[in-house]
């Protein structure tokens, strides 16, 4: 039966990491380093982007060397 992949493992990893780190970096930059809102968002976005790419590379490594996989969400049509 044919299917449409809605979210693949890379998308899920990036989404979860981004949703956690954008809030965490914003909060740390605002409270610890006393950055303004706009500066916190700008720097936080850049840090979050780095963590997103790093998390996908870690997932690829675990998948390749240890067989760790996350199933994708599929819509059967």
N, C-alpha and C. Protein backbone atom coordinates (compact mmCIF):
# COMPACT_ATOMS: atom_id res chain seq x y z
N UNK A 1 0.85 -1.18 0.00
CA UNK A 1 0.00 0.00 0.00
C UNK A 1 0.89 1.24 0.00
N UNK A 2 0.65 2.19 -0.89
CA UNK A 2 1.49 3.39 -0.94
C UNK A 2 1.25 4.29 0.28
N UNK A 3 2.27 5.04 0.60
CA UNK A 3 2.16 5.94 1.74
C UNK A 3 2.92 7.24 1.46
N UNK A 4 2.56 8.24 2.23
CA UNK A 4 3.20 9.54 2.15
C UNK A 4 3.89 9.80 3.49
N UNK A 5 5.19 10.02 3.47
CA UNK A 5 5.91 10.30 4.72
C UNK A 5 5.63 11.74 5.15
N UNK A 6 4.99 11.88 6.28
CA UNK A 6 4.63 13.20 6.80
C UNK A 6 5.84 13.83 7.48
N UNK A 7 6.39 13.14 8.44
CA UNK A 7 7.58 13.60 9.16
C UNK A 7 8.60 12.48 9.21
N UNK A 8 9.79 12.76 8.75
CA UNK A 8 10.87 11.78 8.82
C UNK A 8 11.67 12.01 10.09
N UNK A 9 12.57 11.10 10.39
CA UNK A 9 13.34 11.16 11.64
C UNK A 9 14.13 12.46 11.77
N UNK A 10 14.73 12.91 10.68
CA UNK A 10 15.51 14.15 10.74
C UNK A 10 14.62 15.34 11.09
N UNK A 11 13.41 15.37 10.53
CA UNK A 11 12.48 16.46 10.84
C UNK A 11 12.06 16.44 12.30
N UNK A 12 11.81 15.24 12.82
CA UNK A 12 11.41 15.12 14.21
C UNK A 12 12.52 15.56 15.16
N UNK A 13 13.74 15.10 14.88
CA UNK A 13 14.89 15.47 15.72
C UNK A 13 15.08 16.98 15.72
N UNK A 14 15.09 17.57 14.53
CA UNK A 14 15.29 19.02 14.43
C UNK A 14 14.18 19.79 15.13
N UNK A 15 12.95 19.35 14.98
CA UNK A 15 11.82 20.05 15.60
C UNK A 15 11.86 20.03 17.11
N UNK A 16 12.16 18.86 17.67
CA UNK A 16 12.22 18.74 19.13
C UNK A 16 13.37 19.57 19.69
N UNK A 17 14.53 19.45 19.08
CA UNK A 17 15.70 20.20 19.56
C UNK A 17 15.47 21.70 19.42
N UNK A 18 14.90 22.13 18.31
CA UNK A 18 14.66 23.56 18.11
C UNK A 18 13.65 24.09 19.12
N UNK A 19 12.59 23.35 19.39
CA UNK A 19 11.57 23.83 20.32
C UNK A 19 12.12 23.94 21.74
N UNK A 20 13.05 23.09 22.09
CA UNK A 20 13.65 23.16 23.43
C UNK A 20 14.69 24.27 23.50
N UNK A 21 15.59 24.31 22.53
CA UNK A 21 16.72 25.22 22.63
C UNK A 21 16.39 26.67 22.33
N UNK A 22 15.37 26.96 21.53
CA UNK A 22 15.04 28.36 21.28
C UNK A 22 14.55 29.02 22.57
N UNK A 23 13.77 28.30 23.35
CA UNK A 23 13.28 28.83 24.63
C UNK A 23 14.42 28.89 25.65
N UNK A 24 15.22 27.82 25.71
CA UNK A 24 16.30 27.77 26.69
C UNK A 24 17.36 28.84 26.43
N UNK A 25 17.77 29.00 25.18
CA UNK A 25 18.80 30.00 24.89
C UNK A 25 18.27 31.41 25.11
N UNK A 26 17.03 31.66 24.73
CA UNK A 26 16.43 32.98 24.97
C UNK A 26 16.42 33.30 26.46
N UNK A 27 15.98 32.34 27.26
CA UNK A 27 15.89 32.54 28.70
C UNK A 27 17.27 32.76 29.32
N UNK A 28 18.25 31.97 28.93
CA UNK A 28 19.61 32.11 29.47
C UNK A 28 20.21 33.45 29.07
N UNK A 29 20.05 33.82 27.82
CA UNK A 29 20.62 35.09 27.35
C UNK A 29 19.95 36.29 28.02
N UNK A 30 18.64 36.21 28.25
CA UNK A 30 17.93 37.32 28.90
C UNK A 30 18.27 37.43 30.38
N UNK A 31 18.25 36.31 31.09
CA UNK A 31 18.40 36.35 32.54
C UNK A 31 19.85 36.35 33.00
N UNK A 32 20.69 35.58 32.34
CA UNK A 32 22.08 35.45 32.77
C UNK A 32 22.96 36.56 32.21
N UNK A 33 22.82 36.82 30.91
CA UNK A 33 23.70 37.79 30.26
C UNK A 33 23.06 39.16 30.05
N UNK A 34 21.78 39.31 30.46
CA UNK A 34 21.07 40.59 30.40
C UNK A 34 21.02 41.18 28.99
N UNK A 35 20.84 40.32 27.98
CA UNK A 35 20.69 40.79 26.60
C UNK A 35 19.29 41.37 26.42
N UNK A 36 19.14 42.23 25.42
CA UNK A 36 17.81 42.73 25.08
C UNK A 36 17.00 41.62 24.42
N UNK A 37 15.70 41.86 24.26
CA UNK A 37 14.85 40.83 23.65
C UNK A 37 15.28 40.50 22.22
N UNK A 38 15.51 41.54 21.44
CA UNK A 38 15.86 41.29 20.04
C UNK A 38 17.23 40.62 19.91
N UNK A 39 18.19 41.04 20.72
CA UNK A 39 19.51 40.40 20.68
C UNK A 39 19.43 38.96 21.15
N UNK A 40 18.63 38.69 22.18
CA UNK A 40 18.46 37.32 22.68
C UNK A 40 17.86 36.42 21.62
N UNK A 41 16.88 36.94 20.89
CA UNK A 41 16.26 36.14 19.83
C UNK A 41 17.23 35.88 18.69
N UNK A 42 17.99 36.91 18.31
CA UNK A 42 18.93 36.76 17.20
C UNK A 42 20.04 35.76 17.56
N UNK A 43 20.68 35.96 18.69
CA UNK A 43 21.76 35.05 19.11
C UNK A 43 21.19 33.67 19.44
N UNK A 44 20.02 33.64 20.07
CA UNK A 44 19.37 32.37 20.40
C UNK A 44 19.03 31.57 19.17
N UNK A 45 18.57 32.26 18.09
CA UNK A 45 18.27 31.57 16.85
C UNK A 45 19.53 30.93 16.27
N UNK A 46 20.64 31.65 16.30
CA UNK A 46 21.89 31.13 15.75
C UNK A 46 22.38 29.93 16.56
N UNK A 47 22.32 30.02 17.88
CA UNK A 47 22.73 28.90 18.74
C UNK A 47 21.81 27.70 18.52
N UNK A 48 20.52 27.96 18.40
CA UNK A 48 19.56 26.89 18.15
C UNK A 48 19.83 26.22 16.80
N UNK A 49 20.16 27.00 15.79
CA UNK A 49 20.47 26.45 14.47
C UNK A 49 21.67 25.49 14.58
N UNK A 50 22.69 25.89 15.33
CA UNK A 50 23.86 25.04 15.52
C UNK A 50 23.47 23.73 16.21
N UNK A 51 22.66 23.82 17.28
CA UNK A 51 22.24 22.62 17.99
C UNK A 51 21.36 21.72 17.12
N UNK A 52 20.52 22.31 16.26
CA UNK A 52 19.71 21.50 15.35
C UNK A 52 20.60 20.68 14.43
N UNK A 53 21.58 21.32 13.82
CA UNK A 53 22.47 20.61 12.89
C UNK A 53 23.32 19.57 13.62
N UNK A 54 23.77 19.91 14.81
CA UNK A 54 24.55 18.98 15.62
C UNK A 54 23.71 17.76 16.00
N UNK A 55 22.45 17.97 16.37
CA UNK A 55 21.60 16.85 16.77
C UNK A 55 21.33 15.90 15.61
N UNK A 56 21.17 16.43 14.40
CA UNK A 56 20.96 15.57 13.24
C UNK A 56 22.22 14.76 12.94
N UNK A 57 23.38 15.38 13.08
CA UNK A 57 24.63 14.64 12.87
C UNK A 57 24.81 13.55 13.93
N UNK A 58 24.45 13.83 15.16
CA UNK A 58 24.51 12.81 16.21
C UNK A 58 23.55 11.67 15.90
N UNK A 59 22.34 12.01 15.44
CA UNK A 59 21.38 10.97 15.07
C UNK A 59 21.92 10.12 13.92
N UNK A 60 22.50 10.75 12.91
CA UNK A 60 23.08 10.00 11.79
C UNK A 60 24.18 9.06 12.27
N UNK A 61 25.03 9.53 13.18
CA UNK A 61 26.10 8.69 13.72
C UNK A 61 25.51 7.50 14.47
N UNK A 62 24.54 7.75 15.36
CA UNK A 62 23.93 6.66 16.12
C UNK A 62 23.21 5.68 15.21
N UNK A 63 22.58 6.20 14.19
CA UNK A 63 21.87 5.34 13.25
C UNK A 63 22.83 4.46 12.46
N UNK A 64 23.94 5.05 12.03
CA UNK A 64 24.91 4.32 11.21
C UNK A 64 25.71 3.30 12.01
N UNK A 65 26.15 3.67 13.19
CA UNK A 65 27.06 2.81 13.95
C UNK A 65 26.38 1.92 14.99
N UNK A 66 25.19 2.31 15.45
CA UNK A 66 24.56 1.55 16.53
C UNK A 66 23.15 1.08 16.18
N UNK A 67 22.68 1.36 14.98
CA UNK A 67 21.37 0.90 14.56
C UNK A 67 20.20 1.62 15.21
N UNK A 68 20.43 2.79 15.78
CA UNK A 68 19.37 3.57 16.43
C UNK A 68 18.52 4.24 15.36
N UNK A 69 17.22 3.96 15.36
CA UNK A 69 16.34 4.57 14.38
C UNK A 69 15.08 5.10 15.05
N UNK A 70 14.50 6.09 14.43
CA UNK A 70 13.22 6.65 14.85
C UNK A 70 12.28 6.49 13.67
N UNK A 71 11.14 5.86 13.89
CA UNK A 71 10.21 5.66 12.75
C UNK A 71 9.62 6.99 12.30
N UNK A 72 9.34 7.09 11.01
CA UNK A 72 8.72 8.30 10.48
C UNK A 72 7.20 8.17 10.59
N UNK A 73 6.53 9.32 10.59
CA UNK A 73 5.08 9.32 10.57
C UNK A 73 4.63 9.23 9.12
N UNK A 74 3.74 8.26 8.86
CA UNK A 74 3.33 8.02 7.49
C UNK A 74 1.81 8.07 7.38
N UNK A 75 1.37 8.55 6.24
CA UNK A 75 -0.05 8.59 5.93
C UNK A 75 -0.28 7.61 4.78
N UNK A 76 -1.03 6.55 5.06
CA UNK A 76 -1.29 5.54 4.02
C UNK A 76 -2.42 6.04 3.12
N UNK A 77 -2.14 6.02 1.81
CA UNK A 77 -3.13 6.51 0.85
C UNK A 77 -3.56 5.41 -0.10
